[in-house]
Every structure is written in structure tokens, then in C-alpha cells.
Amino acid sequence: MRIVTSLLTMIPATPVLAEAYERPIPQVQSATAEFWYALACLALVLAMIAVQRLVASR
């Protein structure tokens, strides 16, 4: 029974079933996406400054 179980667990792990690796192709970033990314970065920096001031005042 152990042999049958081990064979059944090794069969799906054979490299024959594996697909070839395909490198992801980077997509072009639009100007709108860059604008929202810059806005999010500024919001993050402002939030970090607010937290620093809140912690420093305690």
C-alpha cells in the first residue's frame, strides 16, 4: 500500500507535465497612471509626516 501511495504522489510531480517558463512582458505606463502614482506618493509622504508629528507631540 505504501508503494502505491508513493507512486500516486510522484506521478503528478513529473516534469513532463510542467509548462515552459514565459517571461512577463512589461506594459507601457500611461501618463494618467503616472499622475495617480505621483499623487499617491505625495499622499503617503504627507501621511507619514502627520504620523511623525502626532507621535512626537505625545
Protein backbone atom coordinates (compact mmCIF):
# COMPACT_ATOMS: atom_id res chain seq x y z
CA MET A 1 0.00 0.00 0.00
CA ARG A 2 2.87 2.38 0.74
CA ILE A 3 4.37 1.78 -2.68
CA VAL A 4 1.09 2.51 -4.43
CA THR A 5 0.60 5.68 -2.41
CA SER A 6 4.13 6.91 -3.09
CA LEU A 7 3.78 6.21 -6.81
CA LEU A 8 0.48 8.07 -6.95
CA THR A 9 2.01 11.10 -5.24
CA MET A 10 5.07 11.14 -7.52
CA ILE A 11 3.16 10.89 -10.80
CA PRO A 12 1.77 14.48 -10.79
CA ALA A 13 5.22 15.85 -9.92
CA THR A 14 6.87 14.66 -13.12
CA PRO A 15 8.47 17.39 -15.24
CA VAL A 16 6.60 16.12 -18.29
CA LEU A 17 3.53 17.97 -17.07
CA ALA A 18 5.38 21.24 -16.42
CA GLU A 19 4.93 24.16 -18.77
CA ALA A 20 7.83 26.17 -20.13
CA TYR A 21 8.53 29.42 -18.30
CA GLU A 22 7.48 32.54 -20.19
CA ARG A 23 8.98 35.84 -19.09
CA PRO A 24 6.42 38.54 -18.38
CA ILE A 25 6.45 41.44 -20.82
CA PRO A 26 6.35 44.86 -19.11
CA GLN A 27 3.41 47.00 -20.14
CA VAL A 28 3.63 50.65 -21.13
CA GLN A 29 2.60 53.05 -18.37
CA SER A 30 0.23 55.82 -19.37
CA ALA A 31 0.52 59.46 -18.33
CA THR A 32 -2.67 59.09 -16.29
CA ALA A 33 -1.19 56.19 -14.35
CA GLU A 34 1.98 58.18 -13.68
CA PHE A 35 -0.10 61.12 -12.42
CA TRP A 36 -2.06 58.95 -9.98
CA TYR A 37 1.15 57.24 -8.83
CA ALA A 38 2.75 60.63 -8.11
CA LEU A 39 -0.38 61.75 -6.26
CA ALA A 40 -0.37 58.57 -4.17
CA CYS A 41 3.31 59.08 -3.33
CA LEU A 42 2.64 62.62 -2.15
CA ALA A 43 -0.32 61.43 -0.06
CA LEU A 44 1.87 58.76 1.53
CA VAL A 45 4.60 61.28 2.39
CA LEU A 46 2.03 63.67 3.88
CA ALA A 47 0.51 60.87 5.94
CA MET A 48 3.95 59.88 7.25
CA ILE A 49 4.66 63.49 8.23
CA ALA A 50 1.30 63.68 10.04
CA VAL A 51 2.02 60.47 11.94
CA GLN A 52 5.51 61.68 12.89
CA ARG A 53 4.10 64.94 14.27
CA LEU A 54 1.35 63.07 16.15
CA VAL A 55 3.88 60.71 17.75
CA ALA A 56 6.36 63.47 18.54
CA SER A 57 3.70 65.53 20.33
CA ARG A 58 2.99 62.78 22.85
